[in-house]
Amino acid sequence: KKAVNENRSMMIFPQGTRVNPGITPEEKPYLPGVFFLYNQTKVPVIPVAHNAGLLWPKNSFMKYPDRLKTKKVTIKILPAINPGMSKIEFLKKLESDIESNSNELIELEK
């Protein structure tokens, strides 16, 4: 709430950390803490999809640009999820939006 009151942004990984491509939400689920922040702050959540895991794997200092055809990370800013959804609705929407768009970006690099 303090960050919101100070007009600052918050960036979180809804699974608690970066996750390598190919790891499903069943294997590494979206955590309820993201809903807690959404519910308490009453501000929209802006989901972001990306393909950075192809270039920069989790737990790796090294980056591998040759793994991408474009040699660039692609980021897609998705439509806001406005306040007011239930926990189940919010988590399902967030997961669906991020996973489907991230998978599309990853497929473009194959």
PDB file of N, CA and C in Angstrom:
ATOM      1  N   LYS A   1       0.832  -1.195   0.000  1.00  0.00           N
ATOM      2  CA  LYS A   1       0.000   0.000   0.000  1.00  0.00           C
ATOM      3  C   LYS A   1       0.871   1.251   0.000  1.00  0.00           C
ATOM      4  N   LYS A   2       2.006   1.178   0.700  1.00  0.00           N
ATOM      5  CA  LYS A   2       2.900   2.321   0.745  1.00  0.00           C
ATOM      6  C   LYS A   2       3.424   2.645  -0.656  1.00  0.00           C
ATOM      7  N   ALA A   3       3.811   1.617  -1.405  1.00  0.00           N
ATOM      8  CA  ALA A   3       4.308   1.827  -2.770  1.00  0.00           C
ATOM      9  C   ALA A   3       3.232   2.461  -3.640  1.00  0.00           C
ATOM     10  N   VAL A   4       2.008   1.994  -3.523  1.00  0.00           N
ATOM     11  CA  VAL A   4       0.899   2.564  -4.295  1.00  0.00           C
ATOM     12  C   VAL A   4       0.671   4.015  -3.894  1.00  0.00           C
ATOM     13  N   ASN A   5       0.675   4.289  -2.605  1.00  0.00           N
ATOM     14  CA  ASN A   5       0.480   5.662  -2.132  1.00  0.00           C
ATOM     15  C   ASN A   5       1.590   6.601  -2.592  1.00  0.00           C
ATOM     16  N   GLU A   6       2.775   6.055  -2.814  1.00  0.00           N
ATOM     17  CA  GLU A   6       3.909   6.849  -3.298  1.00  0.00           C
ATOM     18  C   GLU A   6       4.005   6.837  -4.823  1.00  0.00           C
ATOM     19  N   ASN A   7       2.958   6.296  -5.466  1.00  0.00           N
ATOM     20  CA  ASN A   7       2.872   6.232  -6.926  1.00  0.00           C
ATOM     21  C   ASN A   7       4.047   5.461  -7.542  1.00  0.00           C
ATOM     22  N   ARG A   8       4.478   4.405  -6.841  1.00  0.00           N
ATOM     23  CA  ARG A   8       5.558   3.557  -7.339  1.00  0.00           C
ATOM     24  C   ARG A   8       4.975   2.277  -7.921  1.00  0.00           C
ATOM     25  N   SER A   9       5.690   1.697  -8.846  1.00  0.00           N
ATOM     26  CA  SER A   9       5.289   0.423  -9.431  1.00  0.00           C
ATOM     27  C   SER A   9       5.833  -0.729  -8.600  1.00  0.00           C
ATOM     28  N   MET A  10       5.171  -1.862  -8.704  1.00  0.00           N
ATOM     29  CA  MET A  10       5.654  -3.096  -8.084  1.00  0.00           C
ATOM     30  C   MET A  10       5.777  -4.135  -9.184  1.00  0.00           C
ATOM     31  N   MET A  11       6.857  -4.871  -9.197  1.00  0.00           N
ATOM     32  CA  MET A  11       7.013  -5.953 -10.149  1.00  0.00           C
ATOM     33  C   MET A  11       7.225  -7.231  -9.353  1.00  0.00           C
ATOM     34  N   ILE A  12       6.400  -8.212  -9.638  1.00  0.00           N
ATOM     35  CA  ILE A  12       6.567  -9.495  -8.947  1.00  0.00           C
ATOM     36  C   ILE A  12       6.465 -10.623  -9.960  1.00  0.00           C
ATOM     37  N   PHE A  13       7.066 -11.728  -9.631  1.00  0.00           N
ATOM     38  CA  PHE A  13       6.931 -12.942 -10.407  1.00  0.00           C
ATOM     39  C   PHE A  13       5.855 -13.772  -9.705  1.00  0.00           C
ATOM     40  N   PRO A  14       4.704 -13.977 -10.341  1.00  0.00           N
ATOM     41  CA  PRO A  14       3.578 -14.621  -9.648  1.00  0.00           C
ATOM     42  C   PRO A  14       3.845 -16.055  -9.214  1.00  0.00           C
ATOM     43  N   GLN A  15       4.899 -16.662  -9.739  1.00  0.00           N
ATOM     44  CA  GLN A  15       5.276 -17.995  -9.298  1.00  0.00           C
ATOM     45  C   GLN A  15       6.369 -17.934  -8.232  1.00  0.00           C
ATOM     46  N   GLY A  16       6.696 -16.728  -7.808  1.00  0.00           N
ATOM     47  CA  GLY A  16       7.673 -16.538  -6.748  1.00  0.00           C
ATOM     48  C   GLY A  16       9.098 -16.380  -7.236  1.00  0.00           C
ATOM     49  N   THR A  17       9.340 -16.693  -8.496  1.00  0.00           N
ATOM     50  CA  THR A  17      10.668 -16.621  -9.082  1.00  0.00           C
ATOM     51  C   THR A  17      10.534 -16.737 -10.592  1.00  0.00           C
ATOM     52  N   ARG A  18      11.630 -16.523 -11.301  1.00  0.00           N
ATOM     53  CA  ARG A  18      11.605 -16.807 -12.735  1.00  0.00           C
ATOM     54  C   ARG A  18      11.472 -18.318 -12.918  1.00  0.00           C
ATOM     55  N   VAL A  19      10.816 -18.715 -13.983  1.00  0.00           N
ATOM     56  CA  VAL A  19      10.600 -20.131 -14.267  1.00  0.00           C
ATOM     57  C   VAL A  19      11.070 -20.400 -15.691  1.00  0.00           C
ATOM     58  N   ASN A  20      11.809 -21.487 -15.878  1.00  0.00           N
ATOM     59  CA  ASN A  20      12.297 -21.830 -17.210  1.00  0.00           C
ATOM     60  C   ASN A  20      11.148 -22.158 -18.153  1.00  0.00           C
ATOM     61  N   PRO A  21      11.319 -21.863 -19.455  1.00  0.00           N
ATOM     62  CA  PRO A  21      10.305 -22.243 -20.437  1.00  0.00           C
ATOM     63  C   PRO A  21      10.052 -23.743 -20.376  1.00  0.00           C
ATOM     64  N   GLY A  22       8.805 -24.121 -20.567  1.00  0.00           N
ATOM     65  CA  GLY A  22       8.452 -25.534 -20.534  1.00  0.00           C
ATOM     66  C   GLY A  22       7.983 -26.015 -19.175  1.00  0.00           C
ATOM     67  N   ILE A  23       8.218 -25.237 -18.133  1.00  0.00           N
ATOM     68  CA  ILE A  23       7.720 -25.589 -16.799  1.00  0.00           C
ATOM     69  C   ILE A  23       6.271 -25.109 -16.722  1.00  0.00           C
ATOM     70  N   THR A  24       5.374 -26.011 -16.446  1.00  0.00           N
ATOM     71  CA  THR A  24       3.954 -25.664 -16.435  1.00  0.00           C
ATOM     72  C   THR A  24       3.535 -25.092 -15.075  1.00  0.00           C
ATOM     73  N   PRO A  25       2.417 -24.380 -15.056  1.00  0.00           N
ATOM     74  CA  PRO A  25       1.894 -23.895 -13.776  1.00  0.00           C
ATOM     75  C   PRO A  25       1.518 -25.027 -12.814  1.00  0.00           C
ATOM     76  N   GLU A  26       1.290 -26.202 -13.356  1.00  0.00           N
ATOM     77  CA  GLU A  26       1.036 -27.355 -12.472  1.00  0.00           C
ATOM     78  C   GLU A  26       2.314 -27.733 -11.729  1.00  0.00           C
ATOM     79  N   GLU A  27       3.449 -27.606 -12.411  1.00  0.00           N
ATOM     80  CA  GLU A  27       4.737 -27.917 -11.796  1.00  0.00           C
ATOM     81  C   GLU A  27       5.205 -26.801 -10.861  1.00  0.00           C
ATOM     82  N   LYS A  28       4.937 -25.557 -11.248  1.00  0.00           N
ATOM     83  CA  LYS A  28       5.330 -24.380 -10.460  1.00  0.00           C
ATOM     84  C   LYS A  28       4.140 -23.418 -10.481  1.00  0.00           C
ATOM     85  N   PRO A  29       3.196 -23.614  -9.544  1.00  0.00           N
ATOM     86  CA  PRO A  29       1.945 -22.841  -9.584  1.00  0.00           C
ATOM     87  C   PRO A  29       2.116 -21.352  -9.267  1.00  0.00           C
ATOM     88  N   TYR A  30       1.158 -20.586  -9.738  1.00  0.00           N
ATOM     89  CA  TYR A  30       1.073 -19.174  -9.379  1.00  0.00           C
ATOM     90  C   TYR A  30       0.696 -19.113  -7.898  1.00  0.00           C
ATOM     91  N   LEU A  31       1.388 -18.285  -7.153  1.00  0.00           N
ATOM     92  CA  LEU A  31       1.220 -18.244  -5.703  1.00  0.00           C
ATOM     93  C   LEU A  31       0.160 -17.226  -5.292  1.00  0.00           C
ATOM     94  N   PRO A  32      -0.499 -17.450  -4.157  1.00  0.00           N
ATOM     95  CA  PRO A  32      -1.582 -16.565  -3.728  1.00  0.00           C
ATOM     96  C   PRO A  32      -1.127 -15.172  -3.303  1.00  0.00           C
ATOM     97  N   GLY A  33       0.170 -14.968  -3.087  1.00  0.00           N
ATOM     98  CA  GLY A  33       0.654 -13.649  -2.685  1.00  0.00           C
ATOM     99  C   GLY A  33       0.343 -12.572  -3.703  1.00  0.00           C
ATOM    100  N   VAL A  34       0.338 -12.934  -4.994  1.00  0.00           N
ATOM    101  CA  VAL A  34       0.007 -11.959  -6.029  1.00  0.00           C
ATOM    102  C   VAL A  34      -1.447 -11.512  -5.874  1.00  0.00           C
ATOM    103  N   PHE A  35      -2.331 -12.432  -5.482  1.00  0.00           N
ATOM    104  CA  PHE A  35      -3.721 -12.044  -5.244  1.00  0.00           C
ATOM    105  C   PHE A  35      -3.815 -11.150  -4.011  1.00  0.00           C
ATOM    106  N   PHE A  36      -3.050 -11.455  -2.994  1.00  0.00           N
ATOM    107  CA  PHE A  36      -3.074 -10.638  -1.780  1.00  0.00           C
ATOM    108  C   PHE A  36      -2.748  -9.183  -2.114  1.00  0.00           C
ATOM    109  N   LEU A  37      -1.688  -8.967  -2.894  1.00  0.00           N
ATOM    110  CA  LEU A  37      -1.322  -7.604  -3.282  1.00  0.00           C
ATOM    111  C   LEU A  37      -2.418  -6.952  -4.120  1.00  0.00           C
ATOM    112  N   TYR A  38      -2.948  -7.686  -5.078  1.00  0.00           N
ATOM    113  CA  TYR A  38      -4.033  -7.203  -5.938  1.00  0.00           C
ATOM    114  C   TYR A  38      -5.246  -6.811  -5.102  1.00  0.00           C
ATOM    115  N   ASN A  39      -5.613  -7.665  -4.171  1.00  0.00           N
ATOM    116  CA  ASN A  39      -6.804  -7.457  -3.347  1.00  0.00           C
ATOM    117  C   ASN A  39      -6.619  -6.305  -2.353  1.00  0.00           C
ATOM    118  N   GLN A  40      -5.445  -6.204  -1.768  1.00  0.00           N
ATOM    119  CA  GLN A  40      -5.196  -5.183  -0.747  1.00  0.00           C
ATOM    120  C   GLN A  40      -4.991  -3.790  -1.339  1.00  0.00           C
ATOM    121  N   THR A  41      -4.341  -3.722  -2.487  1.00  0.00           N
ATOM    122  CA  THR A  41      -4.015  -2.415  -3.050  1.00  0.00           C
ATOM    123  C   THR A  41      -5.135  -1.825  -3.902  1.00  0.00           C
ATOM    124  N   LYS A  42      -5.994  -2.686  -4.421  1.00  0.00           N
ATOM    125  CA  LYS A  42      -7.131  -2.229  -5.252  1.00  0.00           C
ATOM    126  C   LYS A  42      -6.663  -1.446  -6.486  1.00  0.00           C
ATOM    127  N   VAL A  43      -5.555  -1.855  -7.062  1.00  0.00           N
ATOM    128  CA  VAL A  43      -5.069  -1.241  -8.289  1.00  0.00           C
ATOM    129  C   VAL A  43      -5.022  -2.316  -9.381  1.00  0.00           C
ATOM    130  N   PRO A  44      -5.101  -1.901 -10.644  1.00  0.00           N
ATOM    131  CA  PRO A  44      -5.015  -2.888 -11.725  1.00  0.00           C
ATOM    132  C   PRO A  44      -3.660  -3.593 -11.741  1.00  0.00           C
ATOM    133  N   VAL A  45      -3.685  -4.827 -12.180  1.00  0.00           N
ATOM    134  CA  VAL A  45      -2.467  -5.604 -12.395  1.00  0.00           C
ATOM    135  C   VAL A  45      -2.214  -5.631 -13.897  1.00  0.00           C
ATOM    136  N   ILE A  46      -0.997  -5.322 -14.288  1.00  0.00           N
ATOM    137  CA  ILE A  46      -0.612  -5.332 -15.700  1.00  0.00           C
ATOM    138  C   ILE A  46       0.248  -6.576 -15.941  1.00  0.00           C
ATOM    139  N   PRO A  47      -0.329  -7.647 -16.502  1.00  0.00           N
ATOM    140  CA  PRO A  47       0.470  -8.844 -16.782  1.00  0.00           C
ATOM    141  C   PRO A  47       1.457  -8.576 -17.915  1.00  0.00           C
ATOM    142  N   VAL A  48       2.609  -9.218 -17.842  1.00  0.00           N
ATOM    143  CA  VAL A  48       3.629  -9.089 -18.873  1.00  0.00           C
ATOM    144  C   VAL A  48       4.088 -10.490 -19.263  1.00  0.00           C
ATOM    145  N   ALA A  49       4.085 -10.741 -20.567  1.00  0.00           N
ATOM    146  CA  ALA A  49       4.600 -12.005 -21.098  1.00  0.00           C
ATOM    147  C   ALA A  49       5.951 -11.721 -21.751  1.00  0.00           C
ATOM    148  N   HIS A  50       6.836 -12.706 -21.718  1.00  0.00           N
ATOM    149  CA  HIS A  50       8.141 -12.530 -22.363  1.00  0.00           C
ATOM    150  C   HIS A  50       8.747 -13.883 -22.702  1.00  0.00           C
ATOM    151  N   ASN A  51       9.805 -13.840 -23.464  1.00  0.00           N
ATOM    152  CA  ASN A  51      10.512 -15.068 -23.834  1.00  0.00           C
ATOM    153  C   ASN A  51      11.954 -15.063 -23.322  1.00  0.00           C
ATOM    154  N   ALA A  52      12.221 -14.296 -22.289  1.00  0.00           N
ATOM    155  CA  ALA A  52      13.589 -14.136 -21.782  1.00  0.00           C
ATOM    156  C   ALA A  52      14.208 -15.439 -21.300  1.00  0.00           C
ATOM    157  N   GLY A  53      13.391 -16.371 -20.872  1.00  0.00           N
ATOM    158  CA  GLY A  53      13.932 -17.635 -20.382  1.00  0.00           C
ATOM    159  C   GLY A  53      14.675 -18.435 -21.437  1.00  0.00           C
ATOM    160  N   LEU A  54      14.365 -18.186 -22.705  1.00  0.00           N
ATOM    161  CA  LEU A  54      15.102 -18.868 -23.773  1.00  0.00           C
ATOM    162  C   LEU A  54      16.539 -18.377 -23.854  1.00  0.00           C
ATOM    163  N   LEU A  55      16.709 -17.099 -23.628  1.00  0.00           N
ATOM    164  CA  LEU A  55      18.015 -16.457 -23.739  1.00  0.00           C
ATOM    165  C   LEU A  55      18.791 -16.512 -22.423  1.00  0.00           C
ATOM    166  N   TRP A  56      18.072 -16.364 -21.318  1.00  0.00           N
ATOM    167  CA  TRP A  56      18.699 -16.257 -20.000  1.00  0.00           C
ATOM    168  C   TRP A  56      18.006 -17.224 -19.044  1.00  0.00           C
ATOM    169  N   PRO A  57      18.465 -18.464 -18.988  1.00  0.00           N
ATOM    170  CA  PRO A  57      17.817 -19.471 -18.139  1.00  0.00           C
ATOM    171  C   PRO A  57      17.893 -19.135 -16.649  1.00  0.00           C
ATOM    172  N   LYS A  58      16.924 -19.615 -15.919  1.00  0.00           N
ATOM    173  CA  LYS A  58      16.915 -19.464 -14.464  1.00  0.00           C
ATOM    174  C   LYS A  58      18.194 -20.079 -13.896  1.00  0.00           C
ATOM    175  N   ASN A  59      18.715 -19.466 -12.853  1.00  0.00           N
ATOM    176  CA  ASN A  59      19.927 -19.932 -12.171  1.00  0.00           C
ATOM    177  C   ASN A  59      21.165 -19.911 -13.066  1.00  0.00           C
ATOM    178  N   SER A  60      21.163 -19.047 -14.062  1.00  0.00           N
ATOM    179  CA  SER A  60      22.315 -18.952 -14.943  1.00  0.00           C
ATOM    180  C   SER A  60      22.772 -17.507 -15.032  1.00  0.00           C
ATOM    181  N   PHE A  61      24.049 -17.307 -14.866  1.00  0.00           N
ATOM    182  CA  PHE A  61      24.628 -15.984 -15.063  1.00  0.00           C
ATOM    183  C   PHE A  61      24.775 -15.707 -16.559  1.00  0.00           C
ATOM    184  N   MET A  62      25.020 -16.779 -17.309  1.00  0.00           N
ATOM    185  CA  MET A  62      25.267 -16.663 -18.748  1.00  0.00           C
ATOM    186  C   MET A  62      23.964 -16.418 -19.514  1.00  0.00           C
ATOM    187  N   LYS A  63      24.089 -15.647 -20.586  1.00  0.00           N
ATOM    188  CA  LYS A  63      22.990 -15.406 -21.498  1.00  0.00           C
ATOM    189  C   LYS A  63      23.385 -16.009 -22.841  1.00  0.00           C
ATOM    190  N   TYR A  64      22.391 -16.539 -23.562  1.00  0.00           N
ATOM    191  CA  TYR A  64      22.648 -17.266 -24.793  1.00  0.00           C
ATOM    192  C   TYR A  64      21.819 -16.684 -25.943  1.00  0.00           C
ATOM    193  N   PRO A  65      22.266 -15.564 -26.532  1.00  0.00           N
ATOM    194  CA  PRO A  65      21.473 -14.926 -27.588  1.00  0.00           C
ATOM    195  C   PRO A  65      21.293 -15.796 -28.828  1.00  0.00           C
ATOM    196  N   ASP A  66      22.181 -16.743 -29.070  1.00  0.00           N
ATOM    197  CA  ASP A  66      22.049 -17.604 -30.252  1.00  0.00           C
ATOM    198  C   ASP A  66      20.864 -18.564 -30.145  1.00  0.00           C
ATOM    199  N   ARG A  67      20.266 -18.660 -28.985  1.00  0.00           N
ATOM    200  CA  ARG A  67      19.083 -19.504 -28.827  1.00  0.00           C
ATOM    201  C   ARG A  67      17.833 -18.840 -29.412  1.00  0.00           C
ATOM    202  N   LEU A  68      17.933 -17.554 -29.732  1.00  0.00           N
ATOM    203  CA  LEU A  68      16.801 -16.828 -30.291  1.00  0.00           C
ATOM    204  C   LEU A  68      17.087 -16.460 -31.734  1.00  0.00           C
ATOM    205  N   LYS A  69      16.127 -16.720 -32.606  1.00  0.00           N
ATOM    206  CA  LYS A  69      16.282 -16.327 -34.011  1.00  0.00           C
ATOM    207  C   LYS A  69      16.529 -14.830 -34.115  1.00  0.00           C
ATOM    208  N   THR A  70      15.790 -14.081 -33.325  1.00  0.00           N
ATOM    209  CA  THR A  70      15.858 -12.619 -33.405  1.00  0.00           C
ATOM    210  C   THR A  70      17.020 -12.048 -32.609  1.00  0.00           C
ATOM    211  N   LYS A  71      17.613 -12.847 -31.729  1.00  0.00           N
ATOM    212  CA  LYS A  71      18.694 -12.407 -30.835  1.00  0.00           C
ATOM    213  C   LYS A  71      18.217 -11.352 -29.837  1.00  0.00           C
ATOM    214  N   LYS A  72      16.888 -11.244 -29.673  1.00  0.00           N
ATOM    215  CA  LYS A  72      16.311 -10.240 -28.780  1.00  0.00           C
ATOM    216  C   LYS A  72      15.226 -10.867 -27.918  1.00  0.00           C
ATOM    217  N   VAL A  73      15.114 -10.367 -26.708  1.00  0.00           N
ATOM    218  CA  VAL A  73      14.005 -10.741 -25.833  1.00  0.00           C
ATOM    219  C   VAL A  73      12.784  -9.943 -26.282  1.00  0.00           C
ATOM    220  N   THR A  74      11.658 -10.620 -26.368  1.00  0.00           N
ATOM    221  CA  THR A  74      10.405  -9.958 -26.716  1.00  0.00           C
ATOM    222  C   THR A  74       9.527  -9.896 -25.479  1.00  0.00           C
ATOM    223  N   ILE A  75       8.995  -8.714 -25.214  1.00  0.00           N
ATOM    224  CA  ILE A  75       8.112  -8.483 -24.071  1.00  0.00           C
ATOM    225  C   ILE A  75       6.771  -8.028 -24.609  1.00  0.00           C
ATOM    226  N   LYS A  76       5.710  -8.587 -24.055  1.00  0.00           N
ATOM    227  CA  LYS A  76       4.355  -8.208 -24.465  1.00  0.00           C
ATOM    228  C   LYS A  76       3.592  -7.742 -23.231  1.00  0.00           C
ATOM    229  N   ILE A  77       3.202  -6.478 -23.226  1.00  0.00           N
ATOM    230  CA  ILE A  77       2.421  -5.929 -22.117  1.00  0.00           C
ATOM    231  C   ILE A  77       0.958  -6.213 -22.418  1.00  0.00           C
ATOM    232  N   LEU A  78       0.309  -6.896 -21.509  1.00  0.00           N
ATOM    233  CA  LEU A  78      -1.056  -7.378 -21.712  1.00  0.00           C
ATOM    234  C   LEU A  78      -2.079  -6.424 -21.095  1.00  0.00           C
ATOM    235  N   PRO A  79      -3.339  -6.582 -21.461  1.00  0.00           N
ATOM    236  CA  PRO A  79      -4.376  -5.721 -20.886  1.00  0.00           C
ATOM    237  C   PRO A  79      -4.442  -5.859 -19.354  1.00  0.00           C
ATOM    238  N   ALA A  80      -4.753  -4.754 -18.720  1.00  0.00           N
ATOM    239  CA  ALA A  80      -4.850  -4.709 -17.255  1.00  0.00           C
ATOM    240  C   ALA A  80      -5.964  -5.618 -16.753  1.00  0.00           C
ATOM    241  N   ILE A  81      -5.730  -6.151 -15.576  1.00  0.00           N
ATOM    242  CA  ILE A  81      -6.777  -6.873 -14.845  1.00  0.00           C
ATOM    243  C   ILE A  81      -7.221  -5.923 -13.746  1.00  0.00           C
ATOM    244  N   ASN A  82      -8.432  -5.411 -13.887  1.00  0.00           N
ATOM    245  CA  ASN A  82      -8.930  -4.423 -12.932  1.00  0.00           C
ATOM    246  C   ASN A  82      -9.292  -5.047 -11.601  1.00  0.00           C
ATOM    247  N   PRO A  83      -9.266  -4.270 -10.537  1.00  0.00           N
ATOM    248  CA  PRO A  83      -9.615  -4.777  -9.210  1.00  0.00           C
ATOM    249  C   PRO A  83     -11.050  -5.301  -9.171  1.00  0.00           C
ATOM    250  N   GLY A  84     -11.284  -6.198  -8.224  1.00  0.00           N
ATOM    251  CA  GLY A  84     -12.647  -6.666  -7.970  1.00  0.00           C
ATOM    252  C   GLY A  84     -12.913  -8.123  -8.259  1.00  0.00           C
ATOM    253  N   MET A  85     -11.962  -8.829  -8.838  1.00  0.00           N
ATOM    254  CA  MET A  85     -12.183 -10.251  -9.125  1.00  0.00           C
ATOM    255  C   MET A  85     -11.973 -11.086  -7.865  1.00  0.00           C
ATOM    256  N   SER A  86     -12.604 -12.249  -7.844  1.00  0.00           N
ATOM    257  CA  SER A  86     -12.367 -13.198  -6.753  1.00  0.00           C
ATOM    258  C   SER A  86     -10.974 -13.800  -6.922  1.00  0.00           C
ATOM    259  N   LYS A  87     -10.497 -14.437  -5.886  1.00  0.00           N
ATOM    260  CA  LYS A  87      -9.161 -15.047  -5.920  1.00  0.00           C
ATOM    261  C   LYS A  87      -9.043 -16.055  -7.060  1.00  0.00           C
ATOM    262  N   ILE A  88     -10.026 -16.932  -7.179  1.00  0.00           N
ATOM    263  CA  ILE A  88      -9.973 -17.974  -8.210  1.00  0.00           C
ATOM    264  C   ILE A  88     -10.035 -17.358  -9.600  1.00  0.00           C
ATOM    265  N   GLU A  89     -10.949 -16.398  -9.813  1.00  0.00           N
ATOM    266  CA  GLU A  89     -11.059 -15.730 -11.115  1.00  0.00           C
ATOM    267  C   GLU A  89      -9.759 -15.025 -11.476  1.00  0.00           C
ATOM    268  N   PHE A  90      -9.223 -14.276 -10.526  1.00  0.00           N
ATOM    269  CA  PHE A  90      -8.010 -13.505 -10.774  1.00  0.00           C
ATOM    270  C   PHE A  90      -6.833 -14.409 -11.122  1.00  0.00           C
ATOM    271  N   LEU A  91      -6.588 -15.417 -10.304  1.00  0.00           N
ATOM    272  CA  LEU A  91      -5.444 -16.296 -10.538  1.00  0.00           C
ATOM    273  C   LEU A  91      -5.575 -17.047 -11.862  1.00  0.00           C
ATOM    274  N   LYS A  92      -6.792 -17.489 -12.204  1.00  0.00           N
ATOM    275  CA  LYS A  92      -6.998 -18.180 -13.479  1.00  0.00           C
ATOM    276  C   LYS A  92      -6.744 -17.246 -14.650  1.00  0.00           C
ATOM    277  N   LYS A  93      -7.252 -16.026 -14.570  1.00  0.00           N
ATOM    278  CA  LYS A  93      -7.061 -15.059 -15.654  1.00  0.00           C
ATOM    279  C   LYS A  93      -5.589 -14.693 -15.797  1.00  0.00           C
ATOM    280  N   LEU A  94      -4.942 -14.385 -14.690  1.00  0.00           N
ATOM    281  CA  LEU A  94      -3.526 -14.018 -14.724  1.00  0.00           C
ATOM    282  C   LEU A  94      -2.705 -15.139 -15.349  1.00  0.00           C
ATOM    283  N   GLU A  95      -2.907 -16.348 -14.883  1.00  0.00           N
ATOM    284  CA  GLU A  95      -2.163 -17.500 -15.395  1.00  0.00           C
ATOM    285  C   GLU A  95      -2.446 -17.717 -16.879  1.00  0.00           C
ATOM    286  N   SER A  96      -3.692 -17.692 -17.259  1.00  0.00           N
ATOM    287  CA  SER A  96      -4.071 -17.913 -18.650  1.00  0.00           C
ATOM    288  C   SER A  96      -3.461 -16.855 -19.566  1.00  0.00           C
ATOM    289  N   ASP A  97      -3.581 -15.593 -19.168  1.00  0.00           N
ATOM    290  CA  ASP A  97      -3.046 -14.501 -19.989  1.00  0.00           C
ATOM    291  C   ASP A  97      -1.537 -14.603 -20.148  1.00  0.00           C
ATOM    292  N   ILE A  98      -0.833 -14.777 -19.047  1.00  0.00           N
ATOM    293  CA  ILE A  98       0.636 -14.816 -19.111  1.00  0.00           C
ATOM    294  C   ILE A  98       1.116 -16.068 -19.837  1.00  0.00           C
ATOM    295  N   GLU A  99       0.587 -17.217 -19.477  1.00  0.00           N
ATOM    296  CA  GLU A  99       1.079 -18.470 -20.065  1.00  0.00           C
ATOM    297  C   GLU A  99       0.798 -18.543 -21.554  1.00  0.00           C
ATOM    298  N   SER A 100      -0.399 -18.195 -21.992  1.00  0.00           N
ATOM    299  CA  SER A 100      -0.719 -18.299 -23.420  1.00  0.00           C
ATOM    300  C   SER A 100       0.135 -17.335 -24.236  1.00  0.00           C
ATOM    301  N   ASN A 101       0.313 -16.124 -23.751  1.00  0.00           N
ATOM    302  CA  ASN A 101       1.114 -15.145 -24.486  1.00  0.00           C
ATOM    303  C   ASN A 101       2.602 -15.461 -24.440  1.00  0.00           C
ATOM    304  N   SER A 102       3.099 -15.931 -23.310  1.00  0.00           N
ATOM    305  CA  SER A 102       4.512 -16.335 -23.229  1.00  0.00           C
ATOM    306  C   SER A 102       4.783 -17.504 -24.164  1.00  0.00           C
ATOM    307  N   ASN A 103       3.870 -18.462 -24.192  1.00  0.00           N
ATOM    308  CA  ASN A 103       4.048 -19.621 -25.076  1.00  0.00           C
ATOM    309  C   ASN A 103       4.047 -19.199 -26.544  1.00  0.00           C
ATOM    310  N   GLU A 104       3.210 -18.230 -26.913  1.00  0.00           N
ATOM    311  CA  GLU A 104       3.214 -17.709 -28.288  1.00  0.00           C
ATOM    312  C   GLU A 104       4.572 -17.087 -28.626  1.00  0.00           C
ATOM    313  N   LEU A 105       5.107 -16.289 -27.700  1.00  0.00           N
ATOM    314  CA  LEU A 105       6.410 -15.650 -27.947  1.00  0.00           C
ATOM    315  C   LEU A 105       7.520 -16.686 -28.063  1.00  0.00           C
ATOM    316  N   ILE A 106       7.441 -17.734 -27.272  1.00  0.00           N
ATOM    317  CA  ILE A 106       8.445 -18.807 -27.328  1.00  0.00           C
ATOM    318  C   ILE A 106       8.342 -19.561 -28.650  1.00  0.00           C
ATOM    319  N   GLU A 107       7.121 -19.834 -29.092  1.00  0.00           N
ATOM    320  CA  GLU A 107       6.918 -20.559 -30.350  1.00  0.00           C
ATOM    321  C   GLU A 107       7.474 -19.788 -31.549  1.00  0.00           C
ATOM    322  N   LEU A 108       7.398 -18.466 -31.500  1.00  0.00           N
ATOM    323  CA  LEU A 108       7.904 -17.644 -32.588  1.00  0.00           C
ATOM    324  C   LEU A 108       9.412 -17.794 -32.770  1.00  0.00           C
ATOM    325  N   GLU A 109      10.094 -18.237 -31.724  1.00  0.00           N
ATOM    326  CA  GLU A 109      11.555 -18.374 -31.773  1.00  0.00           C
ATOM    327  C   GLU A 109      12.017 -19.762 -32.213  1.00  0.00           C
ATOM    328  N   LYS A 110      11.084 -20.656 -32.408  1.00  0.00           N
ATOM    329  CA  LYS A 110      11.470 -22.035 -32.795  1.00  0.00           C
ATOM    330  C   LYS A 110      11.693 -22.134 -34.289  1.00  0.00           C
TER     331      LYS A 110
END
